[in-house]
């Protein structure tokens, strides 16, 4: 088992470095264009506020979708508690190693009274839903963003989407859960299967949220760089691709480096090298602001909460 994980982590590291290297090579090849291309920052508050609002709206949708999975396991969880768990645990991705976010979800859920096995099962479901739904939507947006759809590309996209959907559906199948259980430490409580209907609804909600992220990215670009023309299909494809690459790069906190490299790779052709870099950096700022802004109220509230045994 240890040898298998060593190879898997090595592969993740190599793939992430490959993406960074390709982005660096792209910039080197387009260095003259990078130096001469103008960047006209023209902030438009309306578009920028719309971008922030759309990101926070997607958070609200994703939180509720995850809460459905917890409730389906015969647990009680208020929306405000689910929001606190998701937003605070989301900050754990800034620590190298993706396991911290999952561990944070399980720990915080258990502290709210969720049964230990249900807490772990819901923590495993959260990234699985995100990853699978991202692939499902990417199988639709990627061919459209390329402009031309060949039969081979269409078949590959459909196969990819169906495979991702079946993979997340396996979380409702006890034999598949037993396989996942063998990959986890023995101290982890038995995983519970999520009802199929809930999984379908949660996947649909996640797909809608990814679509919202793409729209937020379009608003961000229009709010900062009116010269950069980007369609929703292109924006969503770039965002999803960067998310998947960042998820694989376990050594990079919040995917910093590999995600921006993906932006540069995919946006250099339609926008030019300098605008691609500018958009990548602007998007990193947007996501950091929204993630910290979403978690800040809960962190402040927890600091103000009196210790047990004391009155407020």
Protein backbone atom coordinates (compact mmCIF):
# COMPACT_ATOMS: atom_id res chain seq x y z
CA UNK A 1 0.00 0.00 0.00
CA UNK A 2 2.79 2.43 0.93
CA UNK A 3 4.60 1.72 -2.34
CA UNK A 4 1.38 2.34 -4.32
CA UNK A 5 0.87 5.71 -2.65
CA UNK A 6 4.50 6.66 -3.23
CA UNK A 7 4.11 6.06 -6.96
CA UNK A 8 0.81 7.95 -7.02
CA UNK A 9 2.28 10.97 -5.25
CA UNK A 10 5.30 10.91 -7.56
CA UNK A 11 3.00 10.88 -10.58
CA UNK A 12 1.03 13.82 -9.19
CA UNK A 13 4.25 15.75 -8.63
CA UNK A 14 5.51 15.04 -12.14
CA UNK A 15 2.20 16.02 -13.76
CA UNK A 16 2.09 19.31 -11.86
CA UNK A 17 5.68 20.13 -12.79
CA UNK A 18 4.87 19.26 -16.40
CA UNK A 19 2.04 21.79 -16.49
CA UNK A 20 4.25 24.48 -14.96
CA UNK A 21 7.02 23.65 -17.41
CA UNK A 22 4.68 23.83 -20.40
CA UNK A 23 3.38 27.20 -19.25
CA UNK A 24 6.94 28.45 -18.85
CA UNK A 25 7.84 27.23 -22.33
CA UNK A 26 4.75 28.93 -23.76
CA UNK A 27 5.78 32.23 -22.21
CA UNK A 28 9.33 31.83 -23.47
CA UNK A 29 8.15 31.18 -27.02
CA UNK A 30 5.86 34.22 -26.87
CA UNK A 31 8.25 36.48 -25.00
CA UNK A 32 8.36 39.18 -27.67
CA UNK A 33 4.55 39.32 -27.75
CA UNK A 34 4.50 39.32 -23.95
CA UNK A 35 6.74 42.39 -23.84
CA UNK A 36 4.83 44.35 -26.46
CA UNK A 37 1.24 43.41 -25.65
CA UNK A 38 -0.53 46.22 -23.75
CA UNK A 39 -2.65 45.57 -20.68
CA UNK A 40 -5.28 48.20 -20.03
CA UNK A 41 -6.69 47.74 -16.55
CA UNK A 42 -10.15 49.33 -16.60
CA UNK A 43 -11.99 48.40 -13.40
CA UNK A 44 -15.78 48.23 -13.77
CA UNK A 45 -17.28 47.95 -10.25
CA UNK A 46 -20.57 46.48 -11.48
CA UNK A 47 -18.91 43.54 -13.21
CA UNK A 48 -16.54 42.97 -10.29
CA UNK A 49 -19.38 42.95 -7.75
CA UNK A 50 -21.29 40.54 -9.99
CA UNK A 51 -18.25 38.26 -10.05
CA UNK A 52 -18.00 38.27 -6.25
CA UNK A 53 -21.73 37.69 -5.87
CA UNK A 54 -21.72 34.77 -8.29
CA UNK A 55 -18.84 33.07 -6.46
CA UNK A 56 -20.57 33.42 -3.09
CA UNK A 57 -23.80 32.15 -4.66
CA UNK A 58 -21.98 29.03 -5.87
CA UNK A 59 -20.68 28.53 -2.34
CA UNK A 60 -24.27 28.62 -1.06
CA UNK A 61 -25.35 26.02 -3.63
CA UNK A 62 -22.40 23.72 -2.88
CA UNK A 63 -22.96 23.93 0.87
CA UNK A 64 -26.61 22.95 0.52
CA UNK A 65 -25.75 20.09 -1.84
CA UNK A 66 -23.29 18.71 0.71
CA UNK A 67 -25.83 19.17 3.52
CA UNK A 68 -28.27 16.97 1.54
CA UNK A 69 -25.78 14.10 1.75
CA UNK A 70 -25.47 14.51 5.52
CA UNK A 71 -29.25 14.66 6.02
CA UNK A 72 -29.66 11.57 3.83
CA UNK A 73 -27.61 9.64 6.40
CA UNK A 74 -30.31 10.36 9.03
CA UNK A 75 -28.35 13.17 10.65
CA UNK A 76 -29.31 16.70 11.64
CA UNK A 77 -27.32 19.64 10.36
CA UNK A 78 -28.45 23.25 10.19
CA UNK A 79 -27.51 25.23 7.08
CA UNK A 80 -25.51 27.73 9.12
CA UNK A 81 -23.48 24.89 10.65
CA UNK A 82 -22.94 23.33 7.22
CA UNK A 83 -21.75 26.70 5.91
CA UNK A 84 -19.34 27.09 8.81
CA UNK A 85 -17.93 23.59 8.26
CA UNK A 86 -17.48 24.04 4.51
CA UNK A 87 -16.02 27.54 4.58
CA UNK A 88 -13.58 26.94 7.42
CA UNK A 89 -12.45 23.52 6.17
CA UNK A 90 -11.96 25.05 2.72
CA UNK A 91 -9.09 27.10 4.13
CA UNK A 92 -7.24 23.86 4.92
CA UNK A 93 -6.40 23.54 1.22
CA UNK A 94 -3.77 26.23 1.76
CA UNK A 95 -1.86 23.57 3.69
CA UNK A 96 0.07 21.21 1.37
CA UNK A 97 -1.70 17.85 1.12
CA UNK A 98 -5.37 17.57 0.15
CA UNK A 99 -6.19 15.28 3.08
CA UNK A 100 -6.39 18.24 5.47
CA UNK A 101 -9.61 19.57 3.95
CA UNK A 102 -11.28 16.16 4.23
CA UNK A 103 -10.07 15.75 7.81
CA UNK A 104 -11.36 19.22 8.70
CA UNK A 105 -14.82 18.47 7.30
CA UNK A 106 -15.05 15.20 9.25
CA UNK A 107 -13.82 16.77 12.49
CA UNK A 108 -16.05 19.85 12.33
CA UNK A 109 -19.09 17.80 11.32
CA UNK A 110 -18.56 15.44 14.25
CA UNK A 111 -18.36 18.44 16.61
CA UNK A 112 -21.83 19.55 15.53
CA UNK A 113 -23.26 16.20 16.59
CA UNK A 114 -23.04 14.32 13.29
CA UNK A 115 -22.32 10.61 13.81
CA UNK A 116 -18.65 9.75 13.24
CA UNK A 117 -19.25 7.36 10.34
CA UNK A 118 -21.65 9.83 8.68
CA UNK A 119 -19.16 12.65 9.18
CA UNK A 120 -16.39 10.69 7.46
CA UNK A 121 -18.69 9.55 4.65
CA UNK A 122 -19.83 13.12 4.00
CA UNK A 123 -16.22 14.33 4.06
CA UNK A 124 -15.26 11.77 1.41
CA UNK A 125 -18.31 12.67 -0.70
CA UNK A 126 -17.50 16.40 -0.77
CA UNK A 127 -14.33 16.26 -2.95
CA UNK A 128 -15.71 13.32 -4.95
CA UNK A 129 -18.75 15.37 -5.95
CA UNK A 130 -16.59 18.33 -6.92
CA UNK A 131 -14.14 16.30 -8.98
CA UNK A 132 -16.71 14.17 -10.80
CA UNK A 133 -19.10 17.04 -11.56
CA UNK A 134 -16.19 19.12 -12.86
CA UNK A 135 -15.31 16.39 -15.32
CA UNK A 136 -18.95 16.01 -16.37
CA UNK A 137 -19.29 19.71 -17.20
CA UNK A 138 -15.82 19.86 -18.76
CA UNK A 139 -16.83 17.11 -21.17
CA UNK A 140 -19.50 19.53 -22.43
CA UNK A 141 -17.65 22.86 -22.41
CA UNK A 142 -14.23 21.75 -23.69
CA UNK A 143 -15.39 20.66 -27.16
CA UNK A 144 -17.47 23.84 -27.56
CA UNK A 145 -14.59 26.08 -26.49
CA UNK A 146 -12.39 24.55 -29.19
CA UNK A 147 -14.77 25.79 -31.86
CA UNK A 148 -14.94 22.54 -33.84
CA UNK A 149 -16.28 19.21 -32.65
CA UNK A 150 -15.04 16.08 -34.39
CA UNK A 151 -16.81 12.72 -33.92
CA UNK A 152 -13.80 11.35 -32.05
CA UNK A 153 -13.74 14.35 -29.71
CA UNK A 154 -17.48 14.08 -29.09
CA UNK A 155 -17.19 10.37 -28.24
CA UNK A 156 -14.24 11.02 -25.92
CA UNK A 157 -16.12 13.80 -24.16
CA UNK A 158 -19.21 11.67 -23.64
CA UNK A 159 -17.13 8.74 -22.39
CA UNK A 160 -15.30 11.00 -19.95
CA UNK A 161 -18.50 12.47 -18.58
CA UNK A 162 -20.22 9.10 -18.21
CA UNK A 163 -17.17 7.63 -16.48
CA UNK A 164 -17.08 10.48 -13.98
CA UNK A 165 -20.81 10.16 -13.29
CA UNK A 166 -20.50 6.41 -12.71
CA UNK A 167 -17.53 6.93 -10.42
CA UNK A 168 -19.44 9.25 -8.10
CA UNK A 169 -22.51 6.99 -8.30
CA UNK A 170 -20.33 4.26 -6.81
CA UNK A 171 -20.58 6.12 -3.50
CA UNK A 172 -24.14 4.79 -3.33
CA UNK A 173 -23.00 1.19 -3.90
CA UNK A 174 -21.86 -0.71 -0.77
CA UNK A 175 -19.25 -2.91 -2.57
CA UNK A 176 -17.56 0.20 -3.98
CA UNK A 177 -17.57 1.82 -0.56
CA UNK A 178 -15.94 -1.25 0.92
CA UNK A 179 -13.17 -0.89 -1.65
CA UNK A 180 -12.70 2.77 -0.69
CA UNK A 181 -12.74 1.76 2.97
CA UNK A 182 -9.74 -0.52 2.42
CA UNK A 183 -7.76 2.47 1.14
CA UNK A 184 -8.41 4.44 4.31
CA UNK A 185 -6.73 4.03 7.73
CA UNK A 186 -8.26 1.33 9.93
CA UNK A 187 -9.27 3.95 12.48
CA UNK A 188 -11.77 5.45 10.01
CA UNK A 189 -15.37 4.43 10.87
CA UNK A 190 -17.31 2.38 8.27
CA UNK A 191 -18.53 4.52 5.38
CA UNK A 192 -22.26 4.73 4.75
CA UNK A 193 -23.74 4.65 1.23
CA UNK A 194 -25.48 7.83 0.04
CA UNK A 195 -28.99 7.25 -1.43
CA UNK A 196 -28.80 7.36 -5.27
CA UNK A 197 -31.45 10.08 -5.56
CA UNK A 198 -29.50 12.36 -3.25
CA UNK A 199 -26.29 11.73 -5.19
CA UNK A 200 -27.98 12.64 -8.48
CA UNK A 201 -29.34 15.87 -6.99
CA UNK A 202 -25.97 16.71 -5.43
CA UNK A 203 -24.12 16.13 -8.72
CA UNK A 204 -26.62 18.36 -10.54
CA UNK A 205 -26.14 21.09 -7.93
CA UNK A 206 -22.37 20.83 -8.27
CA UNK A 207 -22.60 21.10 -12.06
CA UNK A 208 -24.75 24.22 -11.67
CA UNK A 209 -22.19 25.66 -9.26
CA UNK A 210 -19.33 25.03 -11.71
CA UNK A 211 -21.37 26.84 -14.37
CA UNK A 212 -21.65 29.73 -11.92
CA UNK A 213 -17.88 29.77 -11.43
CA UNK A 214 -17.48 30.08 -15.20
CA UNK A 215 -19.91 33.00 -15.29
CA UNK A 216 -18.06 34.66 -12.39
CA UNK A 217 -14.81 34.33 -14.33
CA UNK A 218 -16.39 36.02 -17.36
CA UNK A 219 -17.58 38.88 -15.13
CA UNK A 220 -14.11 39.22 -13.61
CA UNK A 221 -12.46 39.52 -17.03
CA UNK A 222 -15.02 42.07 -18.23
CA UNK A 223 -14.66 43.99 -14.97
CA UNK A 224 -10.89 44.37 -15.30
CA UNK A 225 -9.85 43.93 -18.91
CA UNK A 226 -12.50 44.96 -21.44
CA UNK A 227 -10.04 44.19 -24.24
CA UNK A 228 -10.01 40.51 -23.24
CA UNK A 229 -12.92 38.75 -24.92
CA UNK A 230 -13.77 35.41 -23.33
CA UNK A 231 -16.89 33.29 -23.84
CA UNK A 232 -18.59 31.37 -21.05
CA UNK A 233 -17.52 28.08 -22.64
CA UNK A 234 -13.88 29.18 -22.71
CA UNK A 235 -14.00 30.61 -19.20
CA UNK A 236 -15.63 27.51 -17.73
CA UNK A 237 -13.23 25.16 -19.54
CA UNK A 238 -10.22 27.09 -18.24
CA UNK A 239 -11.59 27.26 -14.71
CA UNK A 240 -12.46 23.55 -14.57
CA UNK A 241 -9.15 22.49 -16.09
CA UNK A 242 -7.22 24.59 -13.59
CA UNK A 243 -9.25 23.13 -10.72
CA UNK A 244 -8.56 19.56 -11.81
CA UNK A 245 -4.84 20.24 -12.26
CA UNK A 246 -4.69 21.98 -8.89
CA UNK A 247 -6.48 19.05 -7.25
CA UNK A 248 -3.85 16.66 -8.57
CA UNK A 249 -0.99 18.88 -7.37
CA UNK A 250 -1.15 17.81 -3.73
CA UNK A 251 2.14 19.52 -2.88
CA UNK A 252 0.87 22.98 -3.96
CA UNK A 253 -1.24 24.84 -1.36
CA UNK A 254 -4.60 25.65 -3.01
CA UNK A 255 -3.04 24.61 -6.32
CA UNK A 256 -0.89 27.77 -6.41
CA UNK A 257 1.42 27.50 -9.40
CA UNK A 258 -0.15 24.64 -11.37
CA UNK A 259 -3.55 26.39 -11.53
CA UNK A 260 -2.08 29.65 -12.79
CA UNK A 261 0.05 27.72 -15.26
CA UNK A 262 -3.10 26.10 -16.65
CA UNK A 263 -4.63 29.53 -17.14
CA UNK A 264 -1.56 30.67 -19.07
CA UNK A 265 -1.50 27.54 -21.22
CA UNK A 266 -5.16 27.72 -22.22
CA UNK A 267 -5.53 31.50 -22.52
CA UNK A 268 -2.36 32.46 -24.36
CA UNK A 269 -3.88 31.64 -27.75
CA UNK A 270 -7.20 33.52 -27.38
CA UNK A 271 -5.96 36.45 -25.27
CA UNK A 272 -2.22 36.73 -25.77
CA UNK A 273 0.52 35.89 -23.25
CA UNK A 274 0.43 39.04 -21.11
CA UNK A 275 -3.35 39.11 -20.77
CA UNK A 276 -3.30 35.39 -19.95
CA UNK A 277 -0.89 36.04 -17.06
CA UNK A 278 -2.88 39.08 -15.93
CA UNK A 279 -6.14 37.11 -15.90
CA UNK A 280 -4.53 34.21 -14.03
CA UNK A 281 -3.27 36.53 -11.28
CA UNK A 282 -6.57 38.42 -11.10
CA UNK A 283 -8.47 35.17 -10.72
CA UNK A 284 -6.20 34.03 -7.89
CA UNK A 285 -6.93 37.29 -6.06
CA UNK A 286 -10.68 36.85 -6.61
CA UNK A 287 -10.75 33.32 -5.23
CA UNK A 288 -8.59 34.22 -2.23
CA UNK A 289 -10.82 37.20 -1.38
CA UNK A 290 -14.03 35.18 -1.67
CA UNK A 291 -12.67 32.22 0.32
CA UNK A 292 -11.35 34.40 3.14
CA UNK A 293 -14.48 36.56 3.04
CA UNK A 294 -16.70 33.50 3.25
CA UNK A 295 -14.82 32.06 6.23
CA UNK A 296 -14.17 35.30 8.13
CA UNK A 297 -17.64 35.69 9.73
CA UNK A 298 -17.48 32.15 11.15
CA UNK A 299 -13.92 32.58 12.40
CA UNK A 300 -14.84 35.88 14.09
CA UNK A 301 -17.95 34.35 15.64
CA UNK A 302 -15.98 31.42 17.03
CA UNK A 303 -13.49 33.79 18.69
CA UNK A 304 -16.32 35.74 20.31
CA UNK A 305 -18.10 32.63 21.56
CA UNK A 306 -17.64 32.31 25.35
CA UNK A 307 -15.95 29.19 26.73
CA UNK A 308 -18.21 26.35 27.88
CA UNK A 309 -19.50 26.93 31.35
CA UNK A 310 -19.41 30.74 31.04
CA UNK A 311 -22.36 32.93 30.19
CA UNK A 312 -22.20 35.32 27.24
